Amino acid sequence: MTIDRFNSNDRLSAAATFEALVFLSGQVPTQSEDITAQTQEVLSKIDALLAETGSDKDHILNATIYLQNIQRDFAAMNAVWSAWLSAGKAPTRTTLQAELARPQVLVEISVIAVRH
């Protein structure tokens, strides 16, 4: 039974794997200002982490999406999300409103995937 951790610090790991499972910590934007650009940035970070762990977006089992303002940002986030997904590969998903770590962060996404 081996657990591998990726991009770790004293508080958390960006990703952890156990057997075929891949767990990503919530990913947040660092530079973007609007919800569309922030969602694109976060999904790009997810792509990179999944690749590093031996997976990809087509192997996501579950996603949790946190929005700072669900009423304002849901449609725009959802448009970017839908364009990013491969046809027929949509994971289970929960989207909710939450007070996020910093006021400029509009979206945070965490996923569970399997390695291919």
Protein backbone atom coordinates (compact mmCIF):
# COMPACT_ATOMS: atom_id res chain seq x y z
CA MET A 1 0.00 0.00 0.00
CA THR A 2 1.80 3.08 -1.29
CA ILE A 3 0.60 6.66 -1.22
CA ASP A 4 2.49 9.07 -3.46
CA ARG A 5 2.23 12.80 -2.87
CA PHE A 6 2.92 15.52 -5.44
CA ASN A 7 3.90 19.16 -4.97
CA SER A 8 3.75 18.94 -1.19
CA ASN A 9 4.47 21.49 1.49
CA ASP A 10 3.97 21.47 5.27
CA ARG A 11 0.18 21.91 4.95
CA LEU A 12 -0.94 19.96 1.89
CA SER A 13 -0.14 18.14 -1.30
CA ALA A 14 -1.45 19.35 -4.65
CA ALA A 15 -2.16 15.71 -5.51
CA ALA A 16 -2.00 12.29 -3.93
CA THR A 17 -2.33 8.85 -5.48
CA PHE A 18 -3.29 5.54 -3.96
CA GLU A 19 -3.27 2.53 -6.25
CA ALA A 20 -5.29 3.66 -9.31
CA LEU A 21 -6.95 6.63 -7.56
CA VAL A 22 -5.83 10.24 -7.97
CA PHE A 23 -6.96 12.96 -5.55
CA LEU A 24 -6.35 16.62 -6.37
CA SER A 25 -6.54 19.38 -3.80
CA GLY A 26 -8.74 22.31 -4.66
CA GLN A 27 -7.06 24.29 -7.43
CA VAL A 28 -7.39 28.06 -7.49
CA PRO A 29 -6.32 30.73 -9.97
CA THR A 30 -3.30 32.89 -9.31
CA GLN A 31 -3.47 35.60 -11.98
CA SER A 32 -6.80 35.80 -13.73
CA GLU A 33 -9.47 38.35 -12.90
CA ASP A 34 -12.84 37.22 -14.31
CA ILE A 35 -14.65 33.92 -13.86
CA THR A 36 -14.03 32.75 -17.43
CA ALA A 37 -10.28 33.30 -17.26
CA GLN A 38 -10.10 31.92 -13.71
CA THR A 39 -11.94 28.75 -14.69
CA GLN A 40 -9.66 28.28 -17.72
CA GLU A 41 -6.58 28.76 -15.51
CA VAL A 42 -7.82 26.27 -12.91
CA LEU A 43 -8.68 23.66 -15.54
CA SER A 44 -5.21 24.08 -17.05
CA LYS A 45 -3.69 23.44 -13.61
CA ILE A 46 -5.87 20.35 -13.25
CA ASP A 47 -4.72 19.09 -16.67
CA ALA A 48 -1.07 19.49 -15.62
CA LEU A 49 -1.51 17.76 -12.25
CA LEU A 50 -3.47 14.90 -13.76
CA ALA A 51 -0.74 14.39 -16.37
CA GLU A 52 1.90 14.39 -13.63
CA THR A 53 0.00 11.66 -11.76
CA GLY A 54 -0.67 9.46 -14.83
CA SER A 55 -4.24 10.52 -15.53
CA ASP A 56 -6.20 13.02 -17.58
CA LYS A 57 -9.56 14.79 -17.67
CA ASP A 58 -11.24 11.82 -19.37
CA HIS A 59 -10.54 9.75 -16.25
CA ILE A 60 -12.10 12.14 -13.71
CA LEU A 61 -14.67 10.35 -11.59
CA ASN A 62 -15.87 13.28 -9.50
CA ALA A 63 -15.44 17.05 -9.38
CA THR A 64 -16.38 19.56 -6.72
CA ILE A 65 -16.62 23.17 -7.88
CA TYR A 66 -16.79 26.04 -5.41
CA LEU A 67 -17.96 29.44 -6.64
CA GLN A 68 -17.72 32.65 -4.68
CA ASN A 69 -20.98 33.86 -6.23
CA ILE A 70 -22.98 31.04 -7.81
CA GLN A 71 -25.79 33.26 -9.10
CA ARG A 72 -23.41 35.59 -10.94
CA ASP A 73 -20.77 33.10 -12.13
CA PHE A 74 -22.42 29.70 -12.66
CA ALA A 75 -23.32 30.11 -16.35
CA ALA A 76 -19.90 31.44 -17.38
CA MET A 77 -18.01 28.80 -15.37
CA ASN A 78 -20.26 26.07 -16.74
CA ALA A 79 -19.62 27.18 -20.34
CA VAL A 80 -15.84 26.87 -19.85
CA TRP A 81 -16.26 23.55 -18.01
CA SER A 82 -18.48 22.09 -20.74
CA ALA A 83 -16.08 23.17 -23.51
CA TRP A 84 -13.17 21.58 -21.63
CA LEU A 85 -14.78 18.16 -21.18
CA SER A 86 -14.47 15.50 -23.86
CA ALA A 87 -17.78 14.32 -25.33
CA GLY A 88 -19.30 11.52 -23.31
CA LYS A 89 -16.72 11.83 -20.49
CA ALA A 90 -18.57 14.02 -17.97
CA PRO A 91 -17.80 13.07 -14.35
CA THR A 92 -20.16 13.28 -11.43
CA ARG A 93 -20.11 16.83 -10.12
CA THR A 94 -21.20 19.06 -7.27
CA THR A 95 -21.22 22.84 -7.60
CA LEU A 96 -21.80 25.08 -4.62
CA GLN A 97 -21.29 28.58 -3.34
CA ALA A 98 -18.58 29.09 -0.74
CA GLU A 99 -16.54 31.79 0.88
CA LEU A 100 -13.14 31.12 -0.66
CA ALA A 101 -9.69 31.72 0.83
CA ARG A 102 -9.06 35.10 -0.81
CA PRO A 103 -11.58 37.67 -2.07
CA GLN A 104 -10.13 37.67 -5.61
CA VAL A 105 -10.61 33.89 -5.98
CA LEU A 106 -13.91 33.30 -7.77
CA VAL A 107 -13.61 29.53 -8.37
CA GLU A 108 -11.91 26.50 -6.81
CA ILE A 109 -12.09 22.99 -8.25
CA SER A 110 -11.04 19.66 -6.76
CA VAL A 111 -11.24 16.31 -8.54
CA ILE A 112 -10.89 12.59 -7.99
CA ALA A 113 -9.70 10.58 -10.97
CA VAL A 114 -8.18 7.23 -11.89
CA ARG A 115 -4.91 6.56 -13.61
CA HIS A 116 -5.05 5.17 -17.12
